[in-house]
């Protein structure tokens, strides 16, 4: 998978997503301002070293979507589905078939 190629910002995003935290809560956890945390997550400044214990298949598709620069509603429109459906797929709920087909992984 993509794990070895993740940027620090992508790792921070996945870590935050796994903990179900907002950026504000993550900033507080790291004891930095919200602006500083956002800069880290967007790879605009150097953030802390984050180690992930692997990434799940659905997380792989989250990273691909983010690298494409698409929001959940934009990607849902491309796939012809409801944003909530895409959110569920990207949370490990439901079949990933449509995402796999879109990204050429079928």
N, C-alpha and C. Protein backbone atom coordinates (compact mmCIF):
# COMPACT_ATOMS: atom_id res chain seq x y z
N UNK A 1 0.83 -1.20 0.00
CA UNK A 1 0.00 0.00 0.00
C UNK A 1 0.87 1.25 0.00
N UNK A 2 0.32 2.27 0.44
CA UNK A 2 0.85 3.62 0.36
C UNK A 2 1.58 4.06 1.61
N UNK A 3 1.57 3.25 2.64
CA UNK A 3 2.01 3.65 3.97
C UNK A 3 3.40 4.28 4.00
N UNK A 4 4.34 3.73 3.27
CA UNK A 4 5.71 4.24 3.31
C UNK A 4 5.82 5.62 2.68
N UNK A 5 4.87 5.99 1.85
CA UNK A 5 4.91 7.26 1.13
C UNK A 5 4.10 8.37 1.79
N UNK A 6 3.52 8.12 2.93
CA UNK A 6 2.68 9.13 3.58
C UNK A 6 3.52 10.30 4.07
N UNK A 7 3.00 11.50 3.87
CA UNK A 7 3.64 12.68 4.41
C UNK A 7 3.29 12.79 5.89
N UNK A 8 3.99 13.65 6.60
CA UNK A 8 3.67 13.87 8.01
C UNK A 8 2.24 14.38 8.14
N UNK A 9 1.83 15.29 7.27
CA UNK A 9 0.47 15.81 7.32
C UNK A 9 -0.58 14.73 7.11
N UNK A 10 -0.32 13.81 6.19
CA UNK A 10 -1.26 12.71 5.96
C UNK A 10 -1.33 11.80 7.18
N UNK A 11 -0.20 11.54 7.80
CA UNK A 11 -0.20 10.72 9.01
C UNK A 11 -0.98 11.41 10.13
N UNK A 12 -0.78 12.71 10.27
CA UNK A 12 -1.53 13.46 11.29
C UNK A 12 -3.02 13.39 11.01
N UNK A 13 -3.41 13.55 9.74
CA UNK A 13 -4.82 13.48 9.36
C UNK A 13 -5.40 12.11 9.74
N UNK A 14 -4.69 11.03 9.38
CA UNK A 14 -5.19 9.70 9.68
C UNK A 14 -5.25 9.46 11.19
N UNK A 15 -4.24 9.92 11.91
CA UNK A 15 -4.25 9.79 13.36
C UNK A 15 -5.47 10.50 13.95
N UNK A 16 -5.72 11.72 13.49
CA UNK A 16 -6.86 12.50 13.98
C UNK A 16 -8.17 11.81 13.62
N UNK A 17 -8.25 11.32 12.42
CA UNK A 17 -9.46 10.64 11.94
C UNK A 17 -9.72 9.38 12.79
N UNK A 18 -8.69 8.64 13.10
CA UNK A 18 -8.84 7.43 13.91
C UNK A 18 -9.34 7.76 15.32
N UNK A 19 -8.87 8.87 15.85
CA UNK A 19 -9.28 9.28 17.19
C UNK A 19 -10.61 10.02 17.21
N UNK A 20 -11.14 10.29 16.00
CA UNK A 20 -12.40 11.02 15.84
C UNK A 20 -12.32 12.40 16.50
N UNK A 21 -11.21 13.09 16.23
CA UNK A 21 -10.99 14.42 16.79
C UNK A 21 -11.14 15.49 15.72
N UNK A 22 -11.49 16.67 16.15
CA UNK A 22 -11.46 17.83 15.26
C UNK A 22 -10.02 18.33 15.20
N UNK A 23 -9.77 19.23 14.25
CA UNK A 23 -8.44 19.84 14.19
C UNK A 23 -8.18 20.62 15.47
N UNK A 24 -9.20 21.28 15.98
CA UNK A 24 -9.05 22.06 17.21
C UNK A 24 -8.64 21.16 18.38
N UNK A 25 -9.29 20.01 18.51
CA UNK A 25 -8.96 19.08 19.59
C UNK A 25 -7.56 18.52 19.42
N UNK A 26 -7.16 18.25 18.17
CA UNK A 26 -5.82 17.75 17.92
C UNK A 26 -4.77 18.81 18.24
N UNK A 27 -5.07 20.05 17.90
CA UNK A 27 -4.15 21.14 18.23
C UNK A 27 -3.95 21.21 19.74
N UNK A 28 -5.02 21.08 20.47
CA UNK A 28 -4.94 21.11 21.94
C UNK A 28 -4.11 19.94 22.45
N UNK A 29 -4.31 18.77 21.87
CA UNK A 29 -3.57 17.58 22.25
C UNK A 29 -2.06 17.79 22.06
N UNK A 30 -1.70 18.46 20.97
CA UNK A 30 -0.28 18.72 20.68
C UNK A 30 0.21 20.04 21.31
N UNK A 31 -0.69 20.74 21.99
CA UNK A 31 -0.37 22.00 22.65
C UNK A 31 0.19 23.04 21.68
N UNK A 32 -0.52 23.18 20.55
CA UNK A 32 -0.17 24.21 19.56
C UNK A 32 -1.44 24.94 19.16
N UNK A 33 -1.28 26.04 18.47
CA UNK A 33 -2.45 26.77 18.00
C UNK A 33 -3.13 25.97 16.88
N UNK A 34 -4.37 26.29 16.65
CA UNK A 34 -5.11 25.66 15.57
C UNK A 34 -4.43 25.94 14.23
N UNK A 35 -3.97 27.16 14.04
CA UNK A 35 -3.28 27.52 12.79
C UNK A 35 -2.02 26.69 12.60
N UNK A 36 -1.27 26.48 13.67
CA UNK A 36 -0.05 25.67 13.58
C UNK A 36 -0.39 24.22 13.23
N UNK A 37 -1.42 23.69 13.87
CA UNK A 37 -1.81 22.31 13.58
C UNK A 37 -2.27 22.17 12.13
N UNK A 38 -3.08 23.11 11.66
CA UNK A 38 -3.54 23.05 10.27
C UNK A 38 -2.37 23.10 9.30
N UNK A 39 -1.38 23.91 9.60
CA UNK A 39 -0.19 23.99 8.74
C UNK A 39 0.52 22.63 8.71
N UNK A 40 0.60 21.97 9.86
CA UNK A 40 1.21 20.64 9.89
C UNK A 40 0.42 19.67 9.02
N UNK A 41 -0.91 19.63 9.25
CA UNK A 41 -1.75 18.66 8.55
C UNK A 41 -1.77 18.91 7.04
N UNK A 42 -1.56 20.15 6.64
CA UNK A 42 -1.52 20.50 5.21
C UNK A 42 -0.10 20.48 4.65
N UNK A 43 0.84 19.97 5.44
CA UNK A 43 2.25 19.88 5.03
C UNK A 43 2.83 21.23 4.62
N UNK A 44 2.38 22.28 5.31
CA UNK A 44 2.90 23.62 5.05
C UNK A 44 4.02 23.98 6.02
N UNK A 45 4.16 23.21 7.08
CA UNK A 45 5.28 23.37 8.01
C UNK A 45 5.56 22.00 8.62
N UNK A 46 6.74 21.85 9.17
CA UNK A 46 7.15 20.56 9.70
C UNK A 46 6.42 20.26 11.01
N UNK A 47 5.77 19.12 11.03
CA UNK A 47 5.04 18.71 12.22
C UNK A 47 5.77 17.63 12.97
N UNK A 48 5.16 17.11 14.02
CA UNK A 48 5.79 16.07 14.83
C UNK A 48 5.87 14.75 14.06
N UNK A 49 6.80 13.92 14.48
CA UNK A 49 6.93 12.59 13.88
C UNK A 49 5.77 11.73 14.36
N UNK A 50 5.04 11.17 13.43
CA UNK A 50 3.88 10.34 13.76
C UNK A 50 4.12 8.95 13.21
N UNK A 51 3.90 7.95 14.03
CA UNK A 51 4.04 6.56 13.59
C UNK A 51 2.66 5.93 13.59
N UNK A 52 2.30 5.36 12.47
CA UNK A 52 1.03 4.65 12.36
C UNK A 52 1.31 3.15 12.30
N UNK A 53 0.45 2.38 12.89
CA UNK A 53 0.58 0.93 12.84
C UNK A 53 -0.17 0.42 11.61
N UNK A 54 0.34 0.73 10.43
CA UNK A 54 -0.31 0.32 9.19
C UNK A 54 -1.48 1.22 8.85
N UNK A 55 -1.98 1.08 7.63
CA UNK A 55 -3.18 1.81 7.25
C UNK A 55 -4.20 0.83 6.69
N UNK A 56 -5.44 1.12 6.96
CA UNK A 56 -6.53 0.28 6.47
C UNK A 56 -6.81 0.61 5.01
N UNK A 57 -7.46 -0.30 4.31
CA UNK A 57 -7.75 -0.10 2.89
C UNK A 57 -8.54 1.18 2.67
N UNK A 58 -9.55 1.43 3.48
CA UNK A 58 -10.36 2.63 3.29
C UNK A 58 -9.53 3.89 3.53
N UNK A 59 -8.55 3.83 4.43
CA UNK A 59 -7.69 4.99 4.67
C UNK A 59 -6.84 5.30 3.45
N UNK A 60 -6.45 4.26 2.74
CA UNK A 60 -5.71 4.42 1.49
C UNK A 60 -6.52 5.30 0.52
N UNK A 61 -7.83 5.03 0.43
CA UNK A 61 -8.68 5.78 -0.49
C UNK A 61 -8.93 7.21 -0.01
N UNK A 62 -8.92 7.42 1.29
CA UNK A 62 -9.02 8.78 1.82
C UNK A 62 -7.81 9.59 1.35
N UNK A 63 -6.63 9.00 1.48
CA UNK A 63 -5.40 9.70 1.08
C UNK A 63 -5.41 9.98 -0.42
N UNK A 64 -5.81 9.02 -1.22
CA UNK A 64 -5.87 9.25 -2.67
C UNK A 64 -6.83 10.40 -3.00
N UNK A 65 -7.98 10.43 -2.33
CA UNK A 65 -8.94 11.52 -2.57
C UNK A 65 -8.34 12.86 -2.17
N UNK A 66 -7.72 12.90 -1.02
CA UNK A 66 -7.11 14.15 -0.55
C UNK A 66 -6.00 14.61 -1.49
N UNK A 67 -5.21 13.67 -1.99
CA UNK A 67 -4.14 14.03 -2.93
C UNK A 67 -4.71 14.56 -4.23
N UNK A 68 -5.89 14.09 -4.59
CA UNK A 68 -6.56 14.60 -5.79
C UNK A 68 -7.11 16.00 -5.55
N UNK A 69 -7.21 16.38 -4.28
CA UNK A 69 -7.72 17.70 -3.93
C UNK A 69 -9.23 17.77 -3.87
N UNK A 70 -9.88 16.63 -3.69
CA UNK A 70 -11.34 16.57 -3.66
C UNK A 70 -11.86 16.50 -2.23
N UNK A 71 -12.91 17.25 -1.98
CA UNK A 71 -13.62 17.13 -0.71
C UNK A 71 -14.53 15.91 -0.81
N UNK A 72 -15.12 15.52 0.30
CA UNK A 72 -16.06 14.40 0.29
C UNK A 72 -17.24 14.70 -0.65
N UNK A 73 -17.87 15.90 -0.57
CA UNK A 73 -18.98 16.16 -1.49
C UNK A 73 -18.56 16.15 -2.98
N UNK A 74 -17.37 16.66 -3.27
CA UNK A 74 -16.89 16.66 -4.66
C UNK A 74 -16.66 15.24 -5.16
N UNK A 75 -16.04 14.41 -4.34
CA UNK A 75 -15.76 13.03 -4.73
C UNK A 75 -17.05 12.24 -4.85
N UNK A 76 -17.99 12.50 -3.95
CA UNK A 76 -19.29 11.82 -4.01
C UNK A 76 -19.99 12.14 -5.33
N UNK A 77 -19.90 13.39 -5.77
CA UNK A 77 -20.50 13.78 -7.04
C UNK A 77 -19.83 13.04 -8.21
N UNK A 78 -18.53 12.92 -8.17
CA UNK A 78 -17.80 12.18 -9.20
C UNK A 78 -18.24 10.73 -9.25
N UNK A 79 -18.41 10.13 -8.07
CA UNK A 79 -18.80 8.73 -7.99
C UNK A 79 -20.31 8.52 -8.17
N UNK A 80 -21.08 9.61 -8.13
CA UNK A 80 -22.52 9.50 -8.27
C UNK A 80 -23.19 8.91 -7.05
N UNK A 81 -22.68 9.28 -5.88
CA UNK A 81 -23.29 8.78 -4.64
C UNK A 81 -23.49 9.95 -3.68
N UNK A 82 -24.15 9.67 -2.60
CA UNK A 82 -24.39 10.64 -1.55
C UNK A 82 -23.10 10.85 -0.74
N UNK A 83 -22.80 12.09 -0.32
CA UNK A 83 -21.61 12.30 0.52
C UNK A 83 -21.57 11.43 1.78
N UNK A 84 -22.73 11.19 2.37
CA UNK A 84 -22.77 10.33 3.56
C UNK A 84 -22.35 8.91 3.22
N UNK A 85 -22.72 8.44 2.04
CA UNK A 85 -22.31 7.11 1.60
C UNK A 85 -20.80 7.05 1.48
N UNK A 86 -20.20 8.06 0.84
CA UNK A 86 -18.74 8.10 0.70
C UNK A 86 -18.08 8.19 2.06
N UNK A 87 -18.61 9.02 2.94
CA UNK A 87 -18.08 9.12 4.30
C UNK A 87 -18.08 7.75 4.97
N UNK A 88 -19.17 7.01 4.82
CA UNK A 88 -19.25 5.67 5.41
C UNK A 88 -18.20 4.74 4.81
N UNK A 89 -18.03 4.78 3.49
CA UNK A 89 -17.01 3.94 2.86
C UNK A 89 -15.63 4.29 3.40
N UNK A 90 -15.39 5.60 3.56
CA UNK A 90 -14.08 6.06 4.04
C UNK A 90 -13.93 5.88 5.56
N UNK A 91 -14.94 5.33 6.18
CA UNK A 91 -14.88 5.01 7.61
C UNK A 91 -14.86 3.50 7.82
N UNK A 92 -14.73 2.77 6.73
CA UNK A 92 -14.66 1.31 6.82
C UNK A 92 -16.01 0.63 6.92
N UNK A 93 -17.08 1.37 6.62
CA UNK A 93 -18.42 0.80 6.69
C UNK A 93 -18.92 0.59 5.27
N UNK A 94 -19.22 -0.62 4.94
CA UNK A 94 -19.76 -0.91 3.61
C UNK A 94 -18.68 -1.35 2.63
N UNK A 95 -19.13 -1.69 1.46
CA UNK A 95 -18.26 -2.20 0.41
C UNK A 95 -17.39 -1.09 -0.19
N UNK A 96 -16.17 -1.41 -0.49
CA UNK A 96 -15.26 -0.46 -1.12
C UNK A 96 -15.20 -0.64 -2.64
N UNK A 97 -16.08 -1.47 -3.16
CA UNK A 97 -16.04 -1.82 -4.58
C UNK A 97 -16.01 -0.60 -5.49
N UNK A 98 -16.89 0.39 -5.25
CA UNK A 98 -16.93 1.57 -6.12
C UNK A 98 -15.65 2.38 -6.05
N UNK A 99 -15.10 2.50 -4.85
CA UNK A 99 -13.84 3.21 -4.71
C UNK A 99 -12.72 2.46 -5.41
N UNK A 100 -12.68 1.16 -5.24
CA UNK A 100 -11.65 0.34 -5.88
C UNK A 100 -11.74 0.46 -7.40
N UNK A 101 -12.95 0.43 -7.92
CA UNK A 101 -13.13 0.56 -9.37
C UNK A 101 -12.68 1.94 -9.85
N UNK A 102 -13.06 2.98 -9.13
CA UNK A 102 -12.69 4.34 -9.53
C UNK A 102 -11.17 4.48 -9.59
N UNK A 103 -10.48 3.95 -8.60
CA UNK A 103 -9.03 4.11 -8.52
C UNK A 103 -8.29 3.03 -9.30
N UNK A 104 -9.04 2.17 -9.98
CA UNK A 104 -8.41 1.13 -10.81
C UNK A 104 -7.81 -0.01 -10.01
N UNK A 105 -8.41 -0.33 -8.90
CA UNK A 105 -7.90 -1.41 -8.04
C UNK A 105 -8.85 -2.60 -8.01
N UNK A 106 -9.68 -2.77 -9.00
CA UNK A 106 -10.65 -3.86 -8.95
C UNK A 106 -10.09 -5.13 -9.43
